[in-house]
Amino acid sequence: MTFKQKIHQYYSRLVEDRIDAFRDMISALTEDSKNDAKGSAGDKHETALSMMHLEQEKFNTKLREVLEQKAVLDKIDASVIAKTIVLGSLVKANGIYLYLSLALPKINIDGINVIALSPQSPLGSKLMGNAVGFTFEINGTKYLIESVE
C-alpha cells in the first residue's frame, strides 16, 4: 500500500467512525424519547421531548454533513497519480504533505504529518491545476511544489 493510499484509508476510516458515532447518538436519543414517553406527563415531559427532538435534528444535520464528506472521499481513487494537482492529490510543498480532499484533522502516518485540505480553501485553490515546480505565496510565505502523487 502506498503512502497516499494509507492516508486515504485513514481519513475514510475517520469519517466512517464519525458516521457510526452520529448514528449511535441518534438511535440513543430515539430510544430515550420512547422510554421517556411511557412514564412522564405534563409540561416537563413536553419540554424534555422537545429538547430531545432538537438534539436529534442537530445530530441528523451533522450526520448529513459527514455523509457528504464520505461521498467526496469515495470519489477519490488513491491509486491514481496525476501530473497536475486534482482532488485526491498528495502534494509536498516546502516539506509539508497536503492531501487535497476535505478539511479534516492533521494526521501522522509513518511518522510524517499530513494536512488534509479542501480544494476550496485558499491554499487548496492555489494548488489546484498546478504541477511540480510551481511557486506561490500565501500570507507572506512562499511555497514551492516539490512533488505531486
C-alpha atoms as a PDB file:
ATOM      1  CA  MET A   1       0.000   0.000   0.000  1.00  0.00           C
ATOM      2  CA  THR A   2       1.377   3.404  -0.976  1.00  0.00           C
ATOM      3  CA  PHE A   3       1.738   6.319   1.438  1.00  0.00           C
ATOM      4  CA  LYS A   4      -1.124   8.108  -0.324  1.00  0.00           C
ATOM      5  CA  GLN A   5      -3.377   5.031  -0.048  1.00  0.00           C
ATOM      6  CA  LYS A   6      -2.612   4.796   3.695  1.00  0.00           C
ATOM      7  CA  ILE A   7      -3.620   8.444   4.108  1.00  0.00           C
ATOM      8  CA  HIS A   8      -6.834   7.932   2.151  1.00  0.00           C
ATOM      9  CA  GLN A   9      -7.680   4.807   4.120  1.00  0.00           C
ATOM     10  CA  TYR A  10      -7.072   6.594   7.448  1.00  0.00           C
ATOM     11  CA  TYR A  11      -9.329   9.526   6.520  1.00  0.00           C
ATOM     12  CA  SER A  12     -12.010   7.173   5.176  1.00  0.00           C
ATOM     13  CA  ARG A  13     -11.965   5.263   8.456  1.00  0.00           C
ATOM     14  CA  LEU A  14     -12.132   8.530  10.413  1.00  0.00           C
ATOM     15  CA  VAL A  15     -15.237   9.633   8.504  1.00  0.00           C
ATOM     16  CA  GLU A  16     -16.835   6.169   8.869  1.00  0.00           C
ATOM     17  CA  ASP A  17     -16.241   6.339  12.636  1.00  0.00           C
ATOM     18  CA  ARG A  18     -17.954   9.744  12.754  1.00  0.00           C
ATOM     19  CA  ILE A  19     -20.927   8.357  10.824  1.00  0.00           C
ATOM     20  CA  ASP A  20     -21.216   5.451  13.282  1.00  0.00           C
ATOM     21  CA  ALA A  21     -20.974   7.819  16.271  1.00  0.00           C
ATOM     22  CA  PHE A  22     -23.736  10.107  14.998  1.00  0.00           C
ATOM     23  CA  ARG A  23     -25.988   7.151  14.141  1.00  0.00           C
ATOM     24  CA  ASP A  24     -25.445   5.767  17.660  1.00  0.00           C
ATOM     25  CA  MET A  25     -26.298   9.137  19.229  1.00  0.00           C
ATOM     26  CA  ILE A  26     -29.439   9.477  17.094  1.00  0.00           C
ATOM     27  CA  SER A  27     -30.645   5.977  17.956  1.00  0.00           C
ATOM     28  CA  ALA A  28     -29.916   6.557  21.673  1.00  0.00           C
ATOM     29  CA  LEU A  29     -31.989   9.753  21.611  1.00  0.00           C
ATOM     30  CA  THR A  30     -34.801   7.960  19.783  1.00  0.00           C
ATOM     31  CA  GLU A  31     -34.746   5.200  22.398  1.00  0.00           C
ATOM     32  CA  ASP A  32     -34.666   7.740  25.244  1.00  0.00           C
ATOM     33  CA  SER A  33     -37.654   9.610  23.834  1.00  0.00           C
ATOM     34  CA  LYS A  34     -39.633   6.352  23.574  1.00  0.00           C
ATOM     35  CA  ASN A  35     -38.775   5.426  27.161  1.00  0.00           C
ATOM     36  CA  ASP A  36     -39.492   8.941  28.419  1.00  0.00           C
ATOM     37  CA  ALA A  37     -42.886   8.954  26.708  1.00  0.00           C
ATOM     38  CA  LYS A  38     -44.001   5.940  28.743  1.00  0.00           C
ATOM     39  CA  GLY A  39     -43.647   7.362  32.235  1.00  0.00           C
ATOM     40  CA  SER A  40     -43.987  11.138  32.129  1.00  0.00           C
ATOM     41  CA  ALA A  41     -46.792  13.627  31.888  1.00  0.00           C
ATOM     42  CA  GLY A  42     -47.207  17.380  31.847  1.00  0.00           C
ATOM     43  CA  ASP A  43     -45.161  20.384  30.757  1.00  0.00           C
ATOM     44  CA  LYS A  44     -41.840  18.953  31.964  1.00  0.00           C
ATOM     45  CA  HIS A  45     -42.384  15.921  29.785  1.00  0.00           C
ATOM     46  CA  GLU A  46     -43.214  18.058  26.733  1.00  0.00           C
ATOM     47  CA  THR A  47     -40.132  20.223  27.294  1.00  0.00           C
ATOM     48  CA  ALA A  48     -37.875  17.171  27.623  1.00  0.00           C
ATOM     49  CA  LEU A  49     -39.276  15.626  24.438  1.00  0.00           C
ATOM     50  CA  SER A  50     -38.885  18.922  22.612  1.00  0.00           C
ATOM     51  CA  MET A  51     -35.246  19.222  23.727  1.00  0.00           C
ATOM     52  CA  MET A  52     -34.545  15.636  22.623  1.00  0.00           C
ATOM     53  CA  HIS A  53     -36.144  16.347  19.269  1.00  0.00           C
ATOM     54  CA  LEU A  54     -33.979  19.465  18.764  1.00  0.00           C
ATOM     55  CA  GLU A  55     -30.877  17.492  19.707  1.00  0.00           C
ATOM     56  CA  GLN A  56     -31.862  14.741  17.283  1.00  0.00           C
ATOM     57  CA  GLU A  57     -32.297  17.280  14.466  1.00  0.00           C
ATOM     58  CA  LYS A  58     -28.846  18.685  15.214  1.00  0.00           C
ATOM     59  CA  PHE A  59     -27.297  15.188  15.039  1.00  0.00           C
ATOM     60  CA  ASN A  60     -29.174  14.464  11.801  1.00  0.00           C
ATOM     61  CA  THR A  61     -27.716  17.643  10.267  1.00  0.00           C
ATOM     62  CA  LYS A  62     -24.206  16.651  11.385  1.00  0.00           C
ATOM     63  CA  LEU A  63     -24.757  13.130  10.024  1.00  0.00           C
ATOM     64  CA  ARG A  64     -25.760  14.554   6.620  1.00  0.00           C
ATOM     65  CA  GLU A  65     -22.570  16.673   6.579  1.00  0.00           C
ATOM     66  CA  VAL A  66     -20.378  13.654   7.373  1.00  0.00           C
ATOM     67  CA  LEU A  67     -22.189  11.542   4.761  1.00  0.00           C
ATOM     68  CA  GLU A  68     -21.378  14.274   2.212  1.00  0.00           C
ATOM     69  CA  GLN A  69     -17.720  14.082   3.309  1.00  0.00           C
ATOM     70  CA  LYS A  70     -17.809  10.317   2.796  1.00  0.00           C
ATOM     71  CA  ALA A  71     -19.224  10.823  -0.717  1.00  0.00           C
ATOM     72  CA  VAL A  72     -16.299  13.123  -1.582  1.00  0.00           C
ATOM     73  CA  LEU A  73     -13.755  10.611  -0.231  1.00  0.00           C
ATOM     74  CA  ASP A  74     -15.484   7.781  -2.088  1.00  0.00           C
ATOM     75  CA  LYS A  75     -14.941   9.672  -5.381  1.00  0.00           C
ATOM     76  CA  ILE A  76     -11.173   9.695  -4.831  1.00  0.00           C
ATOM     77  CA  ASP A  77      -9.107   6.866  -6.308  1.00  0.00           C
ATOM     78  CA  ALA A  78      -5.932   6.925  -4.192  1.00  0.00           C
ATOM     79  CA  SER A  79      -4.064   4.774  -6.711  1.00  0.00           C
ATOM     80  CA  VAL A  80      -4.246   7.470  -9.415  1.00  0.00           C
ATOM     81  CA  ILE A  81      -1.208   9.715  -9.806  1.00  0.00           C
ATOM     82  CA  ALA A  82      -1.913  12.869 -11.797  1.00  0.00           C
ATOM     83  CA  LYS A  83       0.694  15.186 -13.287  1.00  0.00           C
ATOM     84  CA  THR A  84      -1.282  18.236 -12.177  1.00  0.00           C
ATOM     85  CA  ILE A  85      -2.943  18.707  -8.792  1.00  0.00           C
ATOM     86  CA  VAL A  86      -6.528  17.453  -8.638  1.00  0.00           C
ATOM     87  CA  LEU A  87      -8.938  16.265  -5.946  1.00  0.00           C
ATOM     88  CA  GLY A  88      -7.141  13.371  -4.242  1.00  0.00           C
ATOM     89  CA  SER A  89      -3.592  14.561  -4.952  1.00  0.00           C
ATOM     90  CA  LEU A  90      -0.926  14.258  -2.285  1.00  0.00           C
ATOM     91  CA  VAL A  91       1.252  17.342  -2.599  1.00  0.00           C
ATOM     92  CA  LYS A  92       4.579  18.056  -0.953  1.00  0.00           C
ATOM     93  CA  ALA A  93       5.231  21.793  -0.686  1.00  0.00           C
ATOM     94  CA  ASN A  94       8.045  23.228   1.457  1.00  0.00           C
ATOM     95  CA  GLY A  95       8.391  19.810   3.107  1.00  0.00           C
ATOM     96  CA  ILE A  96       4.713  19.772   4.144  1.00  0.00           C
ATOM     97  CA  TYR A  97       2.432  16.992   2.927  1.00  0.00           C
ATOM     98  CA  LEU A  98      -1.003  18.202   1.835  1.00  0.00           C
ATOM     99  CA  TYR A  99      -3.844  15.854   0.884  1.00  0.00           C
ATOM    100  CA  LEU A 100      -6.356  17.613  -1.371  1.00  0.00           C
ATOM    101  CA  SER A 101      -9.678  16.171  -0.275  1.00  0.00           C
ATOM    102  CA  LEU A 102     -11.621  17.757   2.594  1.00  0.00           C
ATOM    103  CA  ALA A 103     -10.897  19.960   5.566  1.00  0.00           C
ATOM    104  CA  LEU A 104     -10.085  17.199   8.064  1.00  0.00           C
ATOM    105  CA  PRO A 105      -7.760  16.994  11.086  1.00  0.00           C
ATOM    106  CA  LYS A 106      -3.987  16.803  10.686  1.00  0.00           C
ATOM    107  CA  ILE A 107      -2.748  13.203  10.999  1.00  0.00           C
ATOM    108  CA  ASN A 108       0.552  11.380  11.359  1.00  0.00           C
ATOM    109  CA  ILE A 109       1.210   8.392   9.083  1.00  0.00           C
ATOM    110  CA  ASP A 110       4.536   6.537   9.264  1.00  0.00           C
ATOM    111  CA  GLY A 111       5.969   9.416  11.307  1.00  0.00           C
ATOM    112  CA  ILE A 112       5.026  12.027   8.698  1.00  0.00           C
ATOM    113  CA  ASN A 113       2.476  14.779   9.363  1.00  0.00           C
ATOM    114  CA  VAL A 114      -0.214  15.168   6.724  1.00  0.00           C
ATOM    115  CA  ILE A 115      -2.685  18.017   6.433  1.00  0.00           C
ATOM    116  CA  ALA A 116      -5.961  17.383   4.614  1.00  0.00           C
ATOM    117  CA  LEU A 117      -7.386  20.427   2.956  1.00  0.00           C
ATOM    118  CA  SER A 118     -10.313  21.307   0.798  1.00  0.00           C
ATOM    119  CA  PRO A 119      -9.760  22.388  -2.814  1.00  0.00           C
ATOM    120  CA  GLN A 120     -11.980  25.388  -1.941  1.00  0.00           C
ATOM    121  CA  SER A 121      -9.628  26.591   0.821  1.00  0.00           C
ATOM    122  CA  PRO A 122      -7.246  29.469  -0.001  1.00  0.00           C
ATOM    123  CA  LEU A 123      -4.249  27.107  -0.136  1.00  0.00           C
ATOM    124  CA  GLY A 124      -6.201  24.368  -1.923  1.00  0.00           C
ATOM    125  CA  SER A 125      -7.434  26.749  -4.618  1.00  0.00           C
ATOM    126  CA  LYS A 126      -3.846  27.965  -5.227  1.00  0.00           C
ATOM    127  CA  LEU A 127      -2.677  24.355  -5.642  1.00  0.00           C
ATOM    128  CA  MET A 128      -5.423  23.022  -7.928  1.00  0.00           C
ATOM    129  CA  GLY A 129      -4.341  22.518 -11.537  1.00  0.00           C
ATOM    130  CA  ASN A 130      -0.660  23.240 -10.892  1.00  0.00           C
ATOM    131  CA  ALA A 131       2.343  20.909 -11.072  1.00  0.00           C
ATOM    132  CA  VAL A 132       5.810  20.278  -9.621  1.00  0.00           C
ATOM    133  CA  GLY A 133       7.953  23.425  -9.651  1.00  0.00           C
ATOM    134  CA  PHE A 134       5.033  25.849  -9.283  1.00  0.00           C
ATOM    135  CA  THR A 135       5.649  28.596  -6.711  1.00  0.00           C
ATOM    136  CA  PHE A 136       3.073  30.769  -4.998  1.00  0.00           C
ATOM    137  CA  GLU A 137       2.677  32.937  -1.934  1.00  0.00           C
ATOM    138  CA  ILE A 138       0.059  32.941   0.818  1.00  0.00           C
ATOM    139  CA  ASN A 139       0.178  35.306   3.803  1.00  0.00           C
ATOM    140  CA  GLY A 140       3.749  36.293   3.017  1.00  0.00           C
ATOM    141  CA  THR A 141       5.017  32.691   2.870  1.00  0.00           C
ATOM    142  CA  LYS A 142       6.409  31.428  -0.432  1.00  0.00           C
ATOM    143  CA  TYR A 143       5.650  27.818  -1.326  1.00  0.00           C
ATOM    144  CA  LEU A 144       7.266  25.526  -3.887  1.00  0.00           C
ATOM    145  CA  ILE A 145       5.510  22.364  -5.044  1.00  0.00           C
ATOM    146  CA  GLU A 146       8.149  19.646  -4.665  1.00  0.00           C
ATOM    147  CA  SER A 147       6.087  16.581  -5.627  1.00  0.00           C
ATOM    148  CA  VAL A 148       2.600  15.500  -6.666  1.00  0.00           C
ATOM    149  CA  GLU A 149       1.194  11.991  -6.229  1.00  0.00           C
END
